Amino acid sequence: MLDRLEQDGFAAVCSDGAAGMLALSDKSIKLVYGSPPYPNAERDYGVWRAHEYIEKMTPFIDAAVRGLRDDGFIVINVKANREKATSKVSSKRSLIVEKLAILMEEQWGLSCVDIEIWVKENPAPTGLRAACQDAYEQNLWFSKAPKWTIDLDAIRRPYESHSVKTYGEYEYKPRTNGNTYVRKNKTIEPHPIGALPKNVISGGVSARIGDHQATQPLYLPEKYIKATTEKGDLVVDPWMGTGTTGVAALLLDRRFIGFDVVQSYVDEAEQTLRKVGANRQVTLDV
């Protein structure tokens, strides 16, 4: 695994992700990013029920905390699926994701950077009649250190046209009570790179690729890789699937190791990552 990482800049490994991370050196990972099986989701690779979800996630977070550098981060993309309805009980939303987020701070000693929302612009219909259509997922973003540094400039966004107009006409004025950081009249100037990023991500859901039932869009891991890592840093995905996180990492000149227990997914990821690596090398050589 490490030989392949050294030679190719990536490694796709058929292994349980927790065991895989434990095989890496302590404090060697800058970012653990992944999307585990969602609670109560019916998948080909099994079902993690809400009542056992914390138990299932524990070895992965244990291994991630051990493997993360002191300035490292973990981001978990997850969605709280609903409990099944019965003749007497409606289909209620599980709160296990919120419980996991609380435990990441209280049990594992991580610090919450944010819990960001991914709004899916083309959500799949569910036929649910007990609540509104399910159209978002959560990105649990935690830092190993209580004081962290992230690169907001790397993930800035274009200003909306009305914001630019407002900034051009607006001026901060000092308050008489002094409870403000503005001490004199100050014109608001747009940042030359763009507006501060929002903690809500909007975009389409990726179409199913190959045999995998939950393929992620590239823009999800890309945001967190840009914000938390630098070129050459190691990104690890314990639930790699077909390798979307790895593609984002390689395109941004990061190193990548991904683990998955399904050999066909690993084979597909290996093929995809090898193509990305080859194309990147051609570009660098030109």
Protein backbone atom coordinates (compact mmCIF):
# COMPACT_ATOMS: atom_id res chain seq x y z
CA MET A 1 0.00 0.00 0.00
CA LEU A 2 2.66 2.54 0.99
CA ASP A 3 4.83 1.50 -1.95
CA ARG A 4 1.95 2.25 -4.31
CA LEU A 5 1.34 5.57 -2.58
CA GLU A 6 4.99 6.50 -2.99
CA GLN A 7 5.12 5.43 -6.63
CA ASP A 8 1.71 6.55 -7.95
CA GLY A 9 0.55 9.13 -5.44
CA PHE A 10 -2.46 6.99 -4.55
CA ALA A 11 -3.51 3.55 -3.37
CA ALA A 12 -6.92 1.88 -3.65
CA VAL A 13 -7.12 -0.98 -1.17
CA CYS A 14 -9.72 -3.70 -0.62
CA SER A 15 -9.92 -3.57 3.15
CA ASP A 16 -12.12 -2.47 6.00
CA GLY A 17 -11.45 1.25 6.31
CA ALA A 18 -10.84 1.20 10.06
CA ALA A 19 -8.28 -1.58 9.76
CA GLY A 20 -6.71 0.18 6.79
CA MET A 21 -6.23 3.43 8.68
CA LEU A 22 -4.70 1.56 11.61
CA ALA A 23 -2.07 0.21 9.21
CA LEU A 24 -0.91 3.76 8.48
CA SER A 25 1.53 5.69 10.62
CA ASP A 26 0.16 7.70 13.53
CA LYS A 27 -0.45 11.36 12.73
CA SER A 28 0.16 10.93 8.99
CA ILE A 29 -3.25 11.94 7.59
CA LYS A 30 -4.28 15.56 6.99
CA LEU A 31 -7.90 14.86 6.03
CA VAL A 32 -10.22 11.91 6.50
CA TYR A 33 -13.16 12.45 4.18
CA GLY A 34 -15.81 9.86 3.50
CA SER A 35 -19.43 8.91 3.24
CA PRO A 36 -20.24 5.84 5.35
CA PRO A 37 -23.33 3.69 4.87
CA TYR A 38 -26.28 5.83 5.89
CA PRO A 39 -28.35 4.70 8.88
CA ASN A 40 -31.23 2.45 7.81
CA ALA A 41 -30.24 2.65 4.12
CA GLU A 42 -30.89 -0.55 2.16
CA ARG A 43 -27.72 -1.17 0.16
CA ASP A 44 -26.13 -4.13 -1.61
CA TYR A 45 -23.31 -4.00 0.93
CA GLY A 46 -25.59 -4.27 3.96
CA VAL A 47 -27.66 -2.15 6.32
CA TRP A 48 -26.40 -0.20 9.32
CA ARG A 49 -29.47 0.18 11.51
CA ALA A 50 -29.86 3.40 13.49
CA HIS A 51 -29.79 1.60 16.84
CA GLU A 52 -26.34 0.14 16.05
CA TYR A 53 -24.93 3.07 14.09
CA ILE A 54 -22.64 4.48 16.79
CA GLU A 55 -21.23 1.01 17.41
CA LYS A 56 -20.56 0.59 13.67
CA MET A 57 -18.91 4.01 13.37
CA THR A 58 -16.75 3.76 16.50
CA PRO A 59 -13.81 1.78 15.02
CA PHE A 60 -13.61 4.17 12.06
CA ILE A 61 -13.49 7.31 14.20
CA ASP A 62 -11.07 5.68 16.64
CA ALA A 63 -8.73 4.90 13.74
CA ALA A 64 -9.18 8.33 12.17
CA VAL A 65 -8.31 10.17 15.38
CA ARG A 66 -5.19 8.03 15.76
CA GLY A 67 -4.13 8.59 12.17
CA LEU A 68 -4.85 12.31 11.89
CA ARG A 69 -2.07 14.84 12.23
CA ASP A 70 -2.48 17.27 15.10
CA ASP A 71 -3.69 19.82 12.53
CA GLY A 72 -5.91 17.30 10.75
CA PHE A 73 -9.62 17.21 9.98
CA ILE A 74 -12.39 14.68 9.52
CA VAL A 75 -15.47 15.27 7.37
CA ILE A 76 -18.30 12.74 7.31
CA ASN A 77 -21.01 13.08 4.68
CA VAL A 78 -24.14 11.35 5.95
CA LYS A 79 -27.92 11.42 5.80
CA ALA A 80 -30.36 10.39 8.51
CA ASN A 81 -32.82 8.05 6.86
CA ARG A 82 -36.20 7.47 8.43
CA GLU A 83 -37.40 4.65 10.61
CA LYS A 84 -39.90 2.32 8.97
CA ALA A 85 -43.56 3.08 9.56
CA THR A 86 -45.92 0.59 11.15
CA SER A 87 -49.68 0.47 11.52
CA LYS A 88 -49.33 2.46 14.74
CA VAL A 89 -46.24 4.64 14.15
CA SER A 90 -45.42 7.04 11.32
CA SER A 91 -42.03 7.01 9.61
CA LYS A 92 -39.98 9.23 11.93
CA ARG A 93 -36.62 10.76 11.12
CA SER A 94 -33.74 9.21 13.01
CA LEU A 95 -31.64 11.55 15.18
CA ILE A 96 -28.64 9.24 15.18
CA VAL A 97 -26.57 11.61 13.00
CA GLU A 98 -27.03 14.40 15.54
CA LYS A 99 -26.04 11.97 18.29
CA LEU A 100 -22.93 11.00 16.33
CA ALA A 101 -21.95 14.67 15.95
CA ILE A 102 -22.31 15.26 19.69
CA LEU A 103 -20.24 12.18 20.50
CA MET A 104 -17.49 13.23 18.09
CA GLU A 105 -16.90 16.18 20.40
CA GLU A 106 -17.78 14.67 23.78
CA GLN A 107 -16.35 11.16 23.35
CA TRP A 108 -13.57 11.60 20.79
CA GLY A 109 -12.45 15.10 21.81
CA LEU A 110 -12.81 16.60 18.34
CA SER A 111 -13.84 20.21 17.75
CA CYS A 112 -16.78 21.02 15.50
CA VAL A 113 -15.78 23.36 12.67
CA ASP A 114 -19.34 23.23 11.33
CA ILE A 115 -22.17 20.96 10.34
CA GLU A 116 -22.72 21.93 6.75
CA ILE A 117 -25.75 21.15 4.64
CA TRP A 118 -25.70 19.72 1.14
CA VAL A 119 -28.93 20.67 -0.61
CA LYS A 120 -29.66 18.26 -3.46
CA GLU A 121 -31.24 20.11 -6.36
CA ASN A 122 -32.49 16.90 -7.97
CA PRO A 123 -33.44 14.65 -5.03
CA ALA A 124 -34.80 11.21 -5.73
CA PRO A 125 -38.54 10.84 -5.10
CA THR A 126 -39.35 8.68 -2.09
CA GLY A 127 -43.13 8.59 -2.02
CA LEU A 128 -43.03 9.70 1.62
CA ARG A 129 -46.29 11.18 2.89
CA ALA A 130 -45.41 11.66 6.58
CA ALA A 131 -43.07 14.64 6.01
CA CYS A 132 -41.61 16.86 3.28
CA GLN A 133 -39.40 15.47 0.52
CA ASP A 134 -35.92 14.54 1.70
CA ALA A 135 -33.55 16.89 -0.12
CA TYR A 136 -30.45 17.44 2.02
CA GLU A 137 -27.53 15.68 3.66
CA GLN A 138 -25.13 16.73 6.43
CA ASN A 139 -21.37 17.14 6.33
CA LEU A 140 -20.00 16.72 9.86
CA TRP A 141 -16.79 18.78 9.77
CA PHE A 142 -14.48 18.38 12.77
CA SER A 143 -10.94 19.40 13.65
CA LYS A 144 -8.56 17.35 15.74
CA ALA A 145 -7.22 20.55 17.31
CA PRO A 146 -9.36 23.04 19.23
CA LYS A 147 -7.70 25.86 17.28
CA TRP A 148 -7.51 25.23 13.56
CA THR A 149 -6.56 26.92 10.31
CA ILE A 150 -8.54 26.52 7.09
CA ASP A 151 -7.99 28.11 3.70
CA LEU A 152 -11.18 30.09 3.10
CA ASP A 153 -9.65 31.82 0.07
CA ALA A 154 -9.39 28.47 -1.69
CA ILE A 155 -13.16 27.97 -1.50
CA ARG A 156 -14.46 31.48 -2.03
CA ARG A 157 -17.41 31.85 -4.41
CA PRO A 158 -18.41 34.45 -6.99
CA TYR A 159 -20.32 37.41 -5.60
CA GLU A 160 -23.98 37.63 -6.44
CA SER A 161 -24.71 40.67 -8.60
CA HIS A 162 -26.96 42.34 -6.04
CA SER A 163 -24.25 41.96 -3.37
CA VAL A 164 -21.69 43.82 -5.48
CA LYS A 165 -24.16 46.63 -6.06
CA THR A 166 -24.97 46.83 -2.35
CA TYR A 167 -21.29 46.92 -1.35
CA GLY A 168 -20.64 49.75 -3.78
CA GLU A 169 -23.30 51.92 -2.15
CA TYR A 170 -22.86 50.95 1.50
CA GLU A 171 -20.68 52.35 4.23
CA TYR A 172 -20.10 51.18 7.80
CA LYS A 173 -20.29 54.00 10.32
CA PRO A 174 -18.88 53.93 13.84
CA ARG A 175 -21.28 53.41 16.73
CA THR A 176 -21.31 55.84 19.62
CA ASN A 177 -21.22 53.05 22.21
CA GLY A 178 -17.99 51.70 20.78
CA ASN A 179 -19.24 48.11 20.62
CA THR A 180 -18.02 47.57 17.10
CA TYR A 181 -14.76 46.86 15.32
CA VAL A 182 -15.41 49.80 12.98
CA ARG A 183 -13.90 52.97 14.45
CA LYS A 184 -14.45 55.26 11.47
CA ASN A 185 -16.48 55.44 8.30
CA LYS A 186 -15.48 52.52 6.14
CA THR A 187 -16.56 51.70 2.59
CA ILE A 188 -17.18 48.01 1.97
CA GLU A 189 -15.00 46.64 -0.80
CA PRO A 190 -15.65 43.23 -2.39
CA HIS A 191 -12.84 40.74 -1.82
CA PRO A 192 -10.78 40.39 -5.03
CA ILE A 193 -11.01 36.58 -4.96
CA GLY A 194 -14.72 36.35 -4.17
CA ALA A 195 -17.28 36.13 -1.39
CA LEU A 196 -16.86 34.05 1.74
CA PRO A 197 -18.05 30.48 1.23
CA LYS A 198 -21.42 29.48 2.64
CA ASN A 199 -21.98 26.51 4.90
CA VAL A 200 -24.75 25.36 2.57
CA ILE A 201 -23.71 23.55 -0.60
CA SER A 202 -26.23 23.32 -3.43
CA GLY A 203 -25.89 21.06 -6.42
CA GLY A 204 -27.12 18.06 -8.30
CA VAL A 205 -26.83 14.43 -7.28
CA SER A 206 -24.46 12.32 -9.36
CA ALA A 207 -25.90 9.66 -11.58
CA ARG A 208 -25.16 6.09 -10.56
CA ILE A 209 -21.80 4.96 -11.91
CA GLY A 210 -21.15 1.27 -12.44
CA ASP A 211 -22.43 -0.96 -9.65
CA HIS A 212 -22.16 1.58 -6.82
CA GLN A 213 -25.47 2.80 -5.42
CA ALA A 214 -24.29 6.05 -3.80
CA THR A 215 -21.85 7.88 -6.06
CA GLN A 216 -20.90 11.36 -4.83
CA PRO A 217 -20.53 14.50 -6.97
CA LEU A 218 -16.95 15.70 -7.25
CA TYR A 219 -17.70 19.12 -5.79
CA LEU A 220 -18.39 17.72 -2.32
CA PRO A 221 -14.96 16.29 -1.40
CA GLU A 222 -13.27 18.99 -3.48
CA LYS A 223 -14.46 21.75 -1.14
CA TYR A 224 -13.03 20.17 2.00
CA ILE A 225 -9.79 19.07 0.34
CA LYS A 226 -9.20 22.65 -0.81
CA ALA A 227 -10.08 24.12 2.58
CA THR A 228 -8.09 21.79 4.84
CA THR A 229 -5.08 20.47 2.90
CA GLU A 230 -2.10 21.60 0.87
CA LYS A 231 -0.35 20.03 -2.09
CA GLY A 232 1.28 16.75 -1.12
CA ASP A 233 -0.88 16.21 1.97
CA LEU A 234 -2.48 12.79 2.51
CA VAL A 235 -6.24 12.42 2.10
CA VAL A 236 -7.89 9.17 3.21
CA ASP A 237 -11.39 7.86 2.43
CA PRO A 238 -12.36 4.84 4.57
CA TRP A 239 -15.48 4.21 2.44
CA MET A 240 -13.98 4.89 -0.98
CA GLY A 241 -16.64 3.41 -3.26
CA THR A 242 -15.61 4.07 -6.84
CA GLY A 243 -13.07 6.74 -5.91
CA THR A 244 -14.65 10.20 -6.18
CA THR A 245 -12.66 11.51 -3.20
CA GLY A 246 -9.48 10.17 -4.77
CA VAL A 247 -10.21 11.87 -8.08
CA ALA A 248 -10.67 15.21 -6.32
CA ALA A 249 -7.48 14.68 -4.31
CA LEU A 250 -5.33 13.80 -7.33
CA LEU A 251 -6.67 16.69 -9.40
CA LEU A 252 -5.61 18.99 -6.56
CA ASP A 253 -2.14 17.40 -6.28
CA ARG A 254 -2.79 15.67 -2.98
CA ARG A 255 -1.90 12.08 -2.16
CA PHE A 256 -4.74 9.65 -1.61
CA ILE A 257 -5.46 6.30 0.03
CA GLY A 258 -8.92 4.78 -0.20
CA PHE A 259 -10.38 1.66 1.37
CA ASP A 260 -13.47 -0.33 0.50
CA VAL A 261 -14.65 -3.84 1.36
CA VAL A 262 -16.16 -4.46 -2.10
CA GLN A 263 -13.52 -5.63 -4.57
CA SER A 264 -15.43 -4.50 -7.66
CA TYR A 265 -15.57 -0.94 -6.32
CA VAL A 266 -11.85 -1.01 -5.59
CA ASP A 267 -11.11 -2.27 -9.10
CA GLU A 268 -13.21 0.50 -10.62
CA ALA A 269 -11.60 3.13 -8.39
CA GLU A 270 -8.12 1.85 -9.27
CA GLN A 271 -8.86 2.14 -12.97
CA THR A 272 -10.33 5.63 -12.63
CA LEU A 273 -7.53 6.94 -10.42
CA ARG A 274 -4.87 5.54 -12.71
CA LYS A 275 -6.40 7.43 -15.63
CA VAL A 276 -6.58 10.65 -13.61
CA GLY A 277 -2.99 10.21 -12.47
CA ALA A 278 -1.79 9.58 -16.02
CA ASN A 279 -3.63 12.60 -17.41
CA ARG A 280 -2.29 14.78 -14.63
CA GLN A 281 1.26 13.62 -15.35
CA VAL A 282 0.84 14.43 -19.04
CA THR A 283 -0.35 17.92 -18.12
CA LEU A 284 2.59 18.44 -15.76
CA ASP A 285 5.07 17.29 -18.39
CA VAL A 286 3.78 19.60 -21.11
